[in-house]
Amino acid sequence: MNLNVPLQAIFQYPRIRQLAGHIASSNQLNFDQMKGHMVRLSENGTKNLYCFPGIGGVGYIFYQLSQAVPDWNCYGINFVESPDRIDEYVNHIKRVQPHGPYYFLAYSAGAALAYEVIKRLESGNGQVEQLILFDCKMESGKETYHQQKVTESAEEFVEQFIITQFLKENDIQDPAQAAYLRKEGLKSVLRYFQYYQEMVFEQPIHAEIHRIEADHEKWNDQDLEKMTTQRSFTYRGYGSHQEMLASPFVEQNAEILAGILNKVKSM
């Protein structure tokens, strides 16, 4: 049987047995939900947190983080290849939560997606209370890269963080699965990177911005001050940029996140 399995499904069900079990239990060979706009990562919370991924484009990257903030329902946003992606994200979010206030989290390049969704919500009188950034910058004028350099950088990213790290964490040694991840991961990263390079941060948003910076990293706080009409805050996080959402650093960064979110809960 020849199945076109979306990249998101591999992250959610990394082992063949897990994937086969999902197919059997669903009674259909339909992965539309997993390759869609967002996936629910946790439940039983009292508020919702919408999480926008880095250049890998897979919302499931926030799974470990979501388990460390049990009072919140976390939704991982997937990067989708659609010219209408922002309107589609807004529609999906409103199906879950028709009215604000909304709470967003973004990792790395995810700041671009989160920014555009916030602007669209605000244009319709939607209120985004907070945007929490995991080592993101919010400024335009990004360097323009030659296509060959973009491809080489994407291949390096896929090899290091999608292939090596993911397969090692899940103790997977199947060459066919590695080849599939390499192929689909590269396509996803290149599409997201192109979108990110074309993104322009212009008007400020009306949400509070909290930025948790990677260890040994220091962004210019002026980019945050220019991009919001509200207050902005910075925090020193744990691990390098690539390590922030992985053990053991994800637990430490989750404590910072929980501290920010607990202030919301008490309001």
C-alpha atoms as a PDB file:
ATOM      1  CA  MET A   1       0.000   0.000   0.000  1.00  0.00           C
ATOM      2  CA  ASN A   2       1.334   3.444  -0.977  1.00  0.00           C
ATOM      3  CA  LEU A   3       0.488   6.111   1.586  1.00  0.00           C
ATOM      4  CA  ASN A   4       1.240   9.807   1.397  1.00  0.00           C
ATOM      5  CA  VAL A   5       1.901  10.409   5.081  1.00  0.00           C
ATOM      6  CA  PRO A   6       2.206  14.079   6.121  1.00  0.00           C
ATOM      7  CA  LEU A   7       5.327  15.194   7.975  1.00  0.00           C
ATOM      8  CA  GLN A   8       3.220  16.132  11.027  1.00  0.00           C
ATOM      9  CA  ALA A   9       2.067  12.514  11.354  1.00  0.00           C
ATOM     10  CA  ILE A  10       5.645  11.258  11.612  1.00  0.00           C
ATOM     11  CA  PHE A  11       6.349  13.659  14.479  1.00  0.00           C
ATOM     12  CA  GLN A  12       3.153  12.723  16.277  1.00  0.00           C
ATOM     13  CA  TYR A  13       3.569   8.956  15.718  1.00  0.00           C
ATOM     14  CA  PRO A  14       7.335   8.417  15.277  1.00  0.00           C
ATOM     15  CA  ARG A  15       7.275   4.619  15.369  1.00  0.00           C
ATOM     16  CA  ILE A  16       5.760   2.506  12.618  1.00  0.00           C
ATOM     17  CA  ARG A  17       3.716   0.567  15.162  1.00  0.00           C
ATOM     18  CA  GLN A  18       2.277   3.795  16.584  1.00  0.00           C
ATOM     19  CA  LEU A  19       1.438   5.080  13.112  1.00  0.00           C
ATOM     20  CA  ALA A  20      -0.162   1.786  12.112  1.00  0.00           C
ATOM     21  CA  GLY A  21      -2.187   1.802  15.323  1.00  0.00           C
ATOM     22  CA  HIS A  22      -3.508   5.275  14.552  1.00  0.00           C
ATOM     23  CA  ILE A  23      -4.495   4.221  11.032  1.00  0.00           C
ATOM     24  CA  ALA A  24      -6.275   1.126  12.347  1.00  0.00           C
ATOM     25  CA  SER A  25      -8.137   3.016  15.067  1.00  0.00           C
ATOM     26  CA  SER A  26      -9.264   5.756  12.702  1.00  0.00           C
ATOM     27  CA  ASN A  27     -10.813   3.248  10.293  1.00  0.00           C
ATOM     28  CA  GLN A  28      -9.596   5.372   7.390  1.00  0.00           C
ATOM     29  CA  LEU A  29      -6.399   6.337   5.585  1.00  0.00           C
ATOM     30  CA  ASN A  30      -7.031  10.046   6.054  1.00  0.00           C
ATOM     31  CA  PHE A  31      -4.381  12.297   7.542  1.00  0.00           C
ATOM     32  CA  ASP A  32      -6.164  15.596   6.867  1.00  0.00           C
ATOM     33  CA  GLN A  33      -6.391  16.438  10.562  1.00  0.00           C
ATOM     34  CA  MET A  34      -2.668  15.931  11.146  1.00  0.00           C
ATOM     35  CA  LYS A  35      -1.601  17.861   8.067  1.00  0.00           C
ATOM     36  CA  GLY A  36      -4.068  20.639   8.840  1.00  0.00           C
ATOM     37  CA  HIS A  37      -3.617  24.022  10.406  1.00  0.00           C
ATOM     38  CA  MET A  38      -3.248  23.038  14.058  1.00  0.00           C
ATOM     39  CA  VAL A  39      -3.164  20.123  16.454  1.00  0.00           C
ATOM     40  CA  ARG A  40      -4.377  20.042  20.035  1.00  0.00           C
ATOM     41  CA  LEU A  41      -1.493  19.152  22.326  1.00  0.00           C
ATOM     42  CA  SER A  42      -3.152  19.272  25.752  1.00  0.00           C
ATOM     43  CA  GLU A  43      -6.573  19.660  27.293  1.00  0.00           C
ATOM     44  CA  ASN A  44      -8.452  20.167  30.569  1.00  0.00           C
ATOM     45  CA  GLY A  45      -7.108  23.701  30.928  1.00  0.00           C
ATOM     46  CA  THR A  46      -9.167  26.811  31.521  1.00  0.00           C
ATOM     47  CA  LYS A  47      -7.533  29.007  28.851  1.00  0.00           C
ATOM     48  CA  ASN A  48      -6.090  28.429  25.383  1.00  0.00           C
ATOM     49  CA  LEU A  49      -2.525  29.011  24.196  1.00  0.00           C
ATOM     50  CA  TYR A  50      -1.809  29.004  20.433  1.00  0.00           C
ATOM     51  CA  CYS A  51       1.779  28.077  19.598  1.00  0.00           C
ATOM     52  CA  PHE A  52       3.525  28.994  16.316  1.00  0.00           C
ATOM     53  CA  PRO A  53       6.564  26.875  15.347  1.00  0.00           C
ATOM     54  CA  GLY A  54      10.002  27.754  14.063  1.00  0.00           C
ATOM     55  CA  ILE A  55      11.307  27.033  10.589  1.00  0.00           C
ATOM     56  CA  GLY A  56      10.535  23.297  10.863  1.00  0.00           C
ATOM     57  CA  GLY A  57       6.872  24.270  10.554  1.00  0.00           C
ATOM     58  CA  VAL A  58       5.430  21.494  12.763  1.00  0.00           C
ATOM     59  CA  GLY A  59       3.247  22.451  15.727  1.00  0.00           C
ATOM     60  CA  TYR A  60       3.951  19.166  17.515  1.00  0.00           C
ATOM     61  CA  ILE A  61       7.354  20.592  18.477  1.00  0.00           C
ATOM     62  CA  PHE A  62       5.574  22.185  21.449  1.00  0.00           C
ATOM     63  CA  TYR A  63       4.315  18.900  22.890  1.00  0.00           C
ATOM     64  CA  GLN A  64       6.834  18.687  25.759  1.00  0.00           C
ATOM     65  CA  LEU A  65       6.277  22.320  26.623  1.00  0.00           C
ATOM     66  CA  SER A  66       2.496  21.871  26.604  1.00  0.00           C
ATOM     67  CA  GLN A  67       2.707  19.112  29.215  1.00  0.00           C
ATOM     68  CA  ALA A  68       4.482  21.471  31.603  1.00  0.00           C
ATOM     69  CA  VAL A  69       1.622  24.011  31.662  1.00  0.00           C
ATOM     70  CA  PRO A  70      -1.366  21.756  32.499  1.00  0.00           C
ATOM     71  CA  ASP A  71      -3.706  24.649  33.277  1.00  0.00           C
ATOM     72  CA  TRP A  72      -3.657  25.662  29.600  1.00  0.00           C
ATOM     73  CA  ASN A  73      -5.046  24.009  26.478  1.00  0.00           C
ATOM     74  CA  CYS A  74      -2.150  24.212  24.020  1.00  0.00           C
ATOM     75  CA  TYR A  75      -2.633  24.171  20.260  1.00  0.00           C
ATOM     76  CA  GLY A  76       0.353  23.672  17.956  1.00  0.00           C
ATOM     77  CA  ILE A  77       0.076  25.598  14.693  1.00  0.00           C
ATOM     78  CA  ASN A  78       1.405  23.935  11.525  1.00  0.00           C
ATOM     79  CA  PHE A  79       2.867  25.970   8.676  1.00  0.00           C
ATOM     80  CA  VAL A  80       0.562  25.411   5.693  1.00  0.00           C
ATOM     81  CA  GLU A  81       1.260  26.091   2.028  1.00  0.00           C
ATOM     82  CA  SER A  82      -1.597  28.443   1.194  1.00  0.00           C
ATOM     83  CA  PRO A  83      -1.759  32.096   0.091  1.00  0.00           C
ATOM     84  CA  ASP A  84      -4.742  32.473   2.434  1.00  0.00           C
ATOM     85  CA  ARG A  85      -3.013  30.874   5.429  1.00  0.00           C
ATOM     86  CA  ILE A  86      -3.531  33.849   7.768  1.00  0.00           C
ATOM     87  CA  ASP A  87      -7.298  34.001   7.231  1.00  0.00           C
ATOM     88  CA  GLU A  88      -7.403  30.217   7.567  1.00  0.00           C
ATOM     89  CA  TYR A  89      -5.504  30.331  10.885  1.00  0.00           C
ATOM     90  CA  VAL A  90      -7.881  32.994  12.191  1.00  0.00           C
ATOM     91  CA  ASN A  91     -10.898  30.904  11.194  1.00  0.00           C
ATOM     92  CA  HIS A  92      -9.509  27.797  12.933  1.00  0.00           C
ATOM     93  CA  ILE A  93      -8.695  29.738  16.091  1.00  0.00           C
ATOM     94  CA  LYS A  94     -12.180  31.263  16.172  1.00  0.00           C
ATOM     95  CA  ARG A  95     -13.754  27.833  15.831  1.00  0.00           C
ATOM     96  CA  VAL A  96     -11.959  26.870  19.037  1.00  0.00           C
ATOM     97  CA  GLN A  97     -12.449  30.225  20.714  1.00  0.00           C
ATOM     98  CA  PRO A  98     -14.922  32.653  19.108  1.00  0.00           C
ATOM     99  CA  HIS A  99     -13.883  35.612  21.246  1.00  0.00           C
ATOM    100  CA  GLY A 100     -10.754  36.945  22.923  1.00  0.00           C
ATOM    101  CA  PRO A 101      -8.713  37.616  24.803  1.00  0.00           C
ATOM    102  CA  TYR A 102      -6.262  35.341  22.962  1.00  0.00           C
ATOM    103  CA  TYR A 103      -2.803  34.215  24.095  1.00  0.00           C
ATOM    104  CA  PHE A 104      -0.078  33.388  21.568  1.00  0.00           C
ATOM    105  CA  LEU A 105       3.361  31.807  21.825  1.00  0.00           C
ATOM    106  CA  ALA A 106       5.954  31.740  19.038  1.00  0.00           C
ATOM    107  CA  TYR A 107       9.319  30.075  18.649  1.00  0.00           C
ATOM    108  CA  SER A 108      11.978  31.528  16.336  1.00  0.00           C
ATOM    109  CA  ALA A 109      10.527  32.239  12.857  1.00  0.00           C
ATOM    110  CA  GLY A 110       7.064  31.572  14.282  1.00  0.00           C
ATOM    111  CA  ALA A 111       7.014  35.232  15.326  1.00  0.00           C
ATOM    112  CA  ALA A 112       6.207  36.153  11.718  1.00  0.00           C
ATOM    113  CA  LEU A 113       3.130  33.919  11.563  1.00  0.00           C
ATOM    114  CA  ALA A 114       1.954  34.998  15.016  1.00  0.00           C
ATOM    115  CA  TYR A 115       2.378  38.685  14.115  1.00  0.00           C
ATOM    116  CA  GLU A 116       0.279  38.392  10.967  1.00  0.00           C
ATOM    117  CA  VAL A 117      -2.473  36.454  12.731  1.00  0.00           C
ATOM    118  CA  ILE A 118      -2.551  39.021  15.533  1.00  0.00           C
ATOM    119  CA  LYS A 119      -2.837  41.876  13.023  1.00  0.00           C
ATOM    120  CA  ARG A 120      -5.716  40.109  11.279  1.00  0.00           C
ATOM    121  CA  LEU A 121      -7.528  39.451  14.563  1.00  0.00           C
ATOM    122  CA  GLU A 122      -7.048  43.044  15.691  1.00  0.00           C
ATOM    123  CA  SER A 123      -8.425  44.355  12.394  1.00  0.00           C
ATOM    124  CA  GLY A 124     -11.661  42.555  13.296  1.00  0.00           C
ATOM    125  CA  ASN A 125     -11.695  43.894  16.874  1.00  0.00           C
ATOM    126  CA  GLY A 126     -10.186  40.702  18.258  1.00  0.00           C
ATOM    127  CA  GLN A 127      -8.058  41.127  21.381  1.00  0.00           C
ATOM    128  CA  VAL A 128      -4.726  39.337  21.746  1.00  0.00           C
ATOM    129  CA  GLU A 129      -3.645  39.864  25.331  1.00  0.00           C
ATOM    130  CA  GLN A 130      -0.120  38.453  25.201  1.00  0.00           C
ATOM    131  CA  LEU A 131       2.481  37.273  22.704  1.00  0.00           C
ATOM    132  CA  ILE A 132       5.205  35.149  24.303  1.00  0.00           C
ATOM    133  CA  LEU A 133       8.342  34.745  22.201  1.00  0.00           C
ATOM    134  CA  PHE A 134      10.895  31.955  22.549  1.00  0.00           C
ATOM    135  CA  ASP A 135      14.073  33.534  21.207  1.00  0.00           C
ATOM    136  CA  CYS A 136      12.464  35.516  18.370  1.00  0.00           C
ATOM    137  CA  LYS A 137      13.174  38.903  16.906  1.00  0.00           C
ATOM    138  CA  MET A 138      10.519  41.166  15.433  1.00  0.00           C
ATOM    139  CA  GLU A 139      12.212  43.388  12.904  1.00  0.00           C
ATOM    140  CA  SER A 140      12.327  43.705   9.135  1.00  0.00           C
ATOM    141  CA  GLY A 141      15.280  44.258   6.848  1.00  0.00           C
ATOM    142  CA  LYS A 142      16.471  40.675   7.061  1.00  0.00           C
ATOM    143  CA  GLU A 143      19.478  39.706   5.003  1.00  0.00           C
ATOM    144  CA  THR A 144      18.743  38.422   1.480  1.00  0.00           C
ATOM    145  CA  TYR A 145      20.310  35.015   0.817  1.00  0.00           C
ATOM    146  CA  HIS A 146      21.366  33.404  -2.440  1.00  0.00           C
ATOM    147  CA  GLN A 147      19.140  30.425  -3.269  1.00  0.00           C
ATOM    148  CA  GLN A 148      22.037  27.985  -3.047  1.00  0.00           C
ATOM    149  CA  LYS A 149      22.893  29.212   0.441  1.00  0.00           C
ATOM    150  CA  VAL A 150      19.231  28.946   1.466  1.00  0.00           C
ATOM    151  CA  THR A 151      19.098  25.336   0.247  1.00  0.00           C
ATOM    152  CA  GLU A 152      22.371  24.458   1.969  1.00  0.00           C
ATOM    153  CA  SER A 153      21.189  26.032   5.237  1.00  0.00           C
ATOM    154  CA  ALA A 154      17.852  24.201   4.986  1.00  0.00           C
ATOM    155  CA  GLU A 155      19.604  20.880   4.360  1.00  0.00           C
ATOM    156  CA  GLU A 156      21.860  21.472   7.368  1.00  0.00           C
ATOM    157  CA  PHE A 157      18.864  22.329   9.551  1.00  0.00           C
ATOM    158  CA  VAL A 158      16.947  19.231   8.460  1.00  0.00           C
ATOM    159  CA  GLU A 159      19.949  16.965   8.972  1.00  0.00           C
ATOM    160  CA  GLN A 160      20.820  18.304  12.391  1.00  0.00           C
ATOM    161  CA  PHE A 161      17.442  18.942  13.998  1.00  0.00           C
ATOM    162  CA  ILE A 162      14.866  16.867  12.144  1.00  0.00           C
ATOM    163  CA  ILE A 163      16.914  13.804  11.234  1.00  0.00           C
ATOM    164  CA  THR A 164      19.648  13.452  13.870  1.00  0.00           C
ATOM    165  CA  GLN A 165      17.872  14.908  16.913  1.00  0.00           C
ATOM    166  CA  PHE A 166      14.401  13.506  16.262  1.00  0.00           C
ATOM    167  CA  LEU A 167      15.568  10.020  15.301  1.00  0.00           C
ATOM    168  CA  LYS A 168      17.973   9.883  18.243  1.00  0.00           C
ATOM    169  CA  GLU A 169      15.319  10.991  20.743  1.00  0.00           C
ATOM    170  CA  ASN A 170      12.947   8.294  19.483  1.00  0.00           C
ATOM    171  CA  ASP A 171      15.638   5.610  18.974  1.00  0.00           C
ATOM    172  CA  ILE A 172      14.645   5.131  15.324  1.00  0.00           C
ATOM    173  CA  GLN A 173      17.121   3.437  12.978  1.00  0.00           C
ATOM    174  CA  ASP A 174      14.943   2.846   9.908  1.00  0.00           C
ATOM    175  CA  PRO A 175      16.743   4.227   6.776  1.00  0.00           C
ATOM    176  CA  ALA A 176      13.463   4.518   4.858  1.00  0.00           C
ATOM    177  CA  GLN A 177      11.913   6.676   7.578  1.00  0.00           C
ATOM    178  CA  ALA A 178      15.031   8.852   7.697  1.00  0.00           C
ATOM    179  CA  ALA A 179      14.922   9.311   3.914  1.00  0.00           C
ATOM    180  CA  TYR A 180      11.250  10.272   4.019  1.00  0.00           C
ATOM    181  CA  LEU A 181      11.813  12.770   6.836  1.00  0.00           C
ATOM    182  CA  ARG A 182      14.766  14.252   4.958  1.00  0.00           C
ATOM    183  CA  LYS A 183      12.729  14.754   1.775  1.00  0.00           C
ATOM    184  CA  GLU A 184       9.544  16.101   3.358  1.00  0.00           C
ATOM    185  CA  GLY A 185      11.407  18.118   5.968  1.00  0.00           C
ATOM    186  CA  LEU A 186      13.460  19.919   3.332  1.00  0.00           C
ATOM    187  CA  LYS A 187      10.368  20.834   1.314  1.00  0.00           C
ATOM    188  CA  SER A 188       8.613  22.189   4.406  1.00  0.00           C
ATOM    189  CA  VAL A 189      11.622  24.202   5.600  1.00  0.00           C
ATOM    190  CA  LEU A 190      12.218  25.801   2.188  1.00  0.00           C
ATOM    191  CA  ARG A 191       8.583  26.882   1.856  1.00  0.00           C
ATOM    192  CA  TYR A 192       8.515  28.355   5.359  1.00  0.00           C
ATOM    193  CA  PHE A 193      11.871  30.075   4.877  1.00  0.00           C
ATOM    194  CA  GLN A 194      10.662  31.759   1.697  1.00  0.00           C
ATOM    195  CA  TYR A 195       7.595  33.077   3.527  1.00  0.00           C
ATOM    196  CA  TYR A 196       9.713  34.277   6.443  1.00  0.00           C
ATOM    197  CA  GLN A 197      12.153  36.133   4.179  1.00  0.00           C
ATOM    198  CA  GLU A 198       9.297  38.004   2.511  1.00  0.00           C
ATOM    199  CA  MET A 199       7.682  38.936   5.830  1.00  0.00           C
ATOM    200  CA  VAL A 200       7.724  42.620   6.853  1.00  0.00           C
ATOM    201  CA  PHE A 201       7.020  43.821  10.404  1.00  0.00           C
ATOM    202  CA  GLU A 202       5.377  47.225  10.015  1.00  0.00           C
ATOM    203  CA  GLN A 203       2.656  48.435  12.370  1.00  0.00           C
ATOM    204  CA  PRO A 204       2.846  47.680  16.099  1.00  0.00           C
ATOM    205  CA  ILE A 205       0.416  45.237  17.644  1.00  0.00           C
ATOM    206  CA  HIS A 206      -1.631  45.895  20.784  1.00  0.00           C
ATOM    207  CA  ALA A 207      -0.543  42.870  22.783  1.00  0.00           C
ATOM    208  CA  GLU A 208       1.955  42.670  25.613  1.00  0.00           C
ATOM    209  CA  ILE A 209       5.139  40.988  24.409  1.00  0.00           C
ATOM    210  CA  HIS A 210       7.257  38.699  26.599  1.00  0.00           C
ATOM    211  CA  ARG A 211      10.502  37.386  25.123  1.00  0.00           C
ATOM    212  CA  ILE A 212      12.399  34.460  26.658  1.00  0.00           C
ATOM    213  CA  GLU A 213      15.916  34.616  25.238  1.00  0.00           C
ATOM    214  CA  ALA A 214      18.187  31.641  24.697  1.00  0.00           C
ATOM    215  CA  ASP A 215      21.211  31.237  26.917  1.00  0.00           C
ATOM    216  CA  HIS A 216      24.127  33.450  25.789  1.00  0.00           C
ATOM    217  CA  GLU A 217      21.795  35.256  23.363  1.00  0.00           C
ATOM    218  CA  LYS A 218      20.883  38.927  23.612  1.00  0.00           C
ATOM    219  CA  TRP A 219      18.453  40.610  21.265  1.00  0.00           C
ATOM    220  CA  ASN A 220      18.026  44.357  20.914  1.00  0.00           C
ATOM    221  CA  ASP A 221      15.039  45.229  23.106  1.00  0.00           C
ATOM    222  CA  GLN A 222      14.167  48.142  20.815  1.00  0.00           C
ATOM    223  CA  ASP A 223      12.584  45.758  18.295  1.00  0.00           C
ATOM    224  CA  LEU A 224       9.996  44.784  20.921  1.00  0.00           C
ATOM    225  CA  GLU A 225       9.376  48.351  22.018  1.00  0.00           C
ATOM    226  CA  LYS A 226       8.658  49.363  18.421  1.00  0.00           C
ATOM    227  CA  MET A 227       6.347  46.443  17.746  1.00  0.00           C
ATOM    228  CA  THR A 228       3.799  46.907  20.532  1.00  0.00           C
ATOM    229  CA  THR A 229       1.727  49.734  21.953  1.00  0.00           C
ATOM    230  CA  GLN A 230       1.752  47.880  25.277  1.00  0.00           C
ATOM    231  CA  ARG A 231       4.538  46.794  27.616  1.00  0.00           C
ATOM    232  CA  SER A 232       7.362  44.447  26.660  1.00  0.00           C
ATOM    233  CA  PHE A 233       9.495  42.212  28.868  1.00  0.00           C
ATOM    234  CA  THR A 234      12.591  40.048  28.418  1.00  0.00           C
ATOM    235  CA  TYR A 235      13.716  36.988  30.380  1.00  0.00           C
ATOM    236  CA  ARG A 236      16.884  34.896  30.388  1.00  0.00           C
ATOM    237  CA  GLY A 237      16.031  31.378  29.251  1.00  0.00           C
ATOM    238  CA  TYR A 238      17.922  28.076  29.305  1.00  0.00           C
ATOM    239  CA  GLY A 239      19.752  26.241  26.551  1.00  0.00           C
ATOM    240  CA  SER A 240      20.825  27.394  23.115  1.00  0.00           C
ATOM    241  CA  HIS A 241      18.281  28.482  20.523  1.00  0.00           C
ATOM    242  CA  GLN A 242      18.008  24.913  19.213  1.00  0.00           C
ATOM    243  CA  GLU A 243      17.814  23.373  22.704  1.00  0.00           C
ATOM    244  CA  MET A 244      15.090  25.501  24.311  1.00  0.00           C
ATOM    245  CA  LEU A 245      12.199  23.124  23.526  1.00  0.00           C
ATOM    246  CA  ALA A 246      14.096  19.903  24.254  1.00  0.00           C
ATOM    247  CA  SER A 247      14.978  18.181  27.545  1.00  0.00           C
ATOM    248  CA  PRO A 248      16.388  19.122  29.949  1.00  0.00           C
ATOM    249  CA  PHE A 249      16.009  22.799  29.063  1.00  0.00           C
ATOM    250  CA  VAL A 250      12.336  22.690  28.106  1.00  0.00           C
ATOM    251  CA  GLU A 251      11.370  22.021  31.720  1.00  0.00           C
ATOM    252  CA  GLN A 252      13.338  25.055  32.924  1.00  0.00           C
ATOM    253  CA  ASN A 253      11.927  27.306  30.205  1.00  0.00           C
ATOM    254  CA  ALA A 254       8.455  25.999  31.001  1.00  0.00           C
ATOM    255  CA  GLU A 255       8.850  27.377  34.526  1.00  0.00           C
ATOM    256  CA  ILE A 256       9.449  30.845  33.079  1.00  0.00           C
ATOM    257  CA  LEU A 257       6.460  30.413  30.782  1.00  0.00           C
ATOM    258  CA  ALA A 258       4.284  29.246  33.669  1.00  0.00           C
ATOM    259  CA  GLY A 259       5.277  32.312  35.665  1.00  0.00           C
ATOM    260  CA  ILE A 260       4.106  34.560  32.827  1.00  0.00           C
ATOM    261  CA  LEU A 261       0.877  32.626  32.336  1.00  0.00           C
ATOM    262  CA  ASN A 262       0.120  32.457  36.061  1.00  0.00           C
ATOM    263  CA  LYS A 263      -0.062  36.241  36.104  1.00  0.00           C
ATOM    264  CA  VAL A 264      -2.744  35.979  33.443  1.00  0.00           C
ATOM    265  CA  LYS A 265      -4.645  33.340  35.413  1.00  0.00           C
ATOM    266  CA  SER A 266      -4.684  35.490  38.537  1.00  0.00           C
ATOM    267  CA  MET A 267      -6.027  38.565  36.738  1.00  0.00           C
END
